[in-house]
Structure formats: C-alpha cells, structure tokens
C-alpha cells in the first residue's frame, strides 16, 4: 500500500447506519488504519433539521487521490442514497464523504483542495481528522492539526457520540 488518505464523513439521515456503512465500503479500497470517534456539533442554525454527526477514517490505499475522491467516494455516496441538491449545501444527507488529507500532499482535484481548507474553519471536520493525524502540520503555518482542532473546538463545542461507532457493522435496515 502506498498512500495514507484521511476521509471526513458526515450524515444527518440515519447516521447510526450510514456512517459505519460508508466506513465498511471505504475499507474495501485499502486497509482501514484507524477510525475517529463520532462527534455531534452543538446546533447553531435553528433550522429544525436533524443534527449532523461527523467522523473520519484513515485509509492506507494504493489508489491515487483523484481516483479515491471521484471514482470511489461518489459511488459510495450514491449507493447509500445521497442526493445532491446544488441549491442547498446544508440539505439533509445520508452520507457525505470528503477527502480531507492525502499523505502530506497539496492537491487540487476538480474543484476541491487537499488538504481541505475547511479543516481550518470547522471544528466538526478538524476534530475527527485531528484524532487520526494530530501531528499533521498545516502547510505554511507550522500549526499542527491538533492545535487547530483544539482552537476551533473551544469556539464551537462538539460532543462525542459513543452510541454510534464506525468500527462496528451498521445496524440492520428496517
């Protein structure tokens, strides 16, 4: 195996099923090195929509970043019922899978940058990814991902959800 890919996962439609199901599917693309805890951000928008649960997986793979990002994650999302609504980036979703880090590389794949710049802005992304790559140094800043995550989490608290686990098979569907 050649690369370490860190993928961020999010769901607010049956996350107890979709997060472990996505993890299992990603595991078919290499070796799952580790998984983060599942985190729930404090609600902020008052929209009444179900809260997102977020997590991350660290995958050792031979797949190139572009292949993983485009040819693997999108079909997994589709198989798990993800419907993209271009007019609403906060629409409820079964699963969202984003390539957050790929080795220590800086890449642009289609319209996405890796490392994902949202890791510097959103605790719900940074905290789970930092669990898996705490010593990752953000390019050009010298700040570790664990420092970034700690700063963000102080401003936007997260709560662990031990009842939802990535390292267990998803519960049976209804």
Foldseek 3Di string as FASTA:
>chain_A
DAKKWKKKKKAQPPQLALLLQLLVQVCVQAHFPDKFFKKWWDDDDPPPGGTMIMIMTIGDHPDDPLCCAPVRQVVSQVVQPFDDDVVDPPDGGGMDMHGQAMHLDWDQHPNATPVGPCLLPALRGLVNVCVVQQQRQDPPPRDGSVVSNVVRCVVTPMDGDNVRDNPDHRDDDD
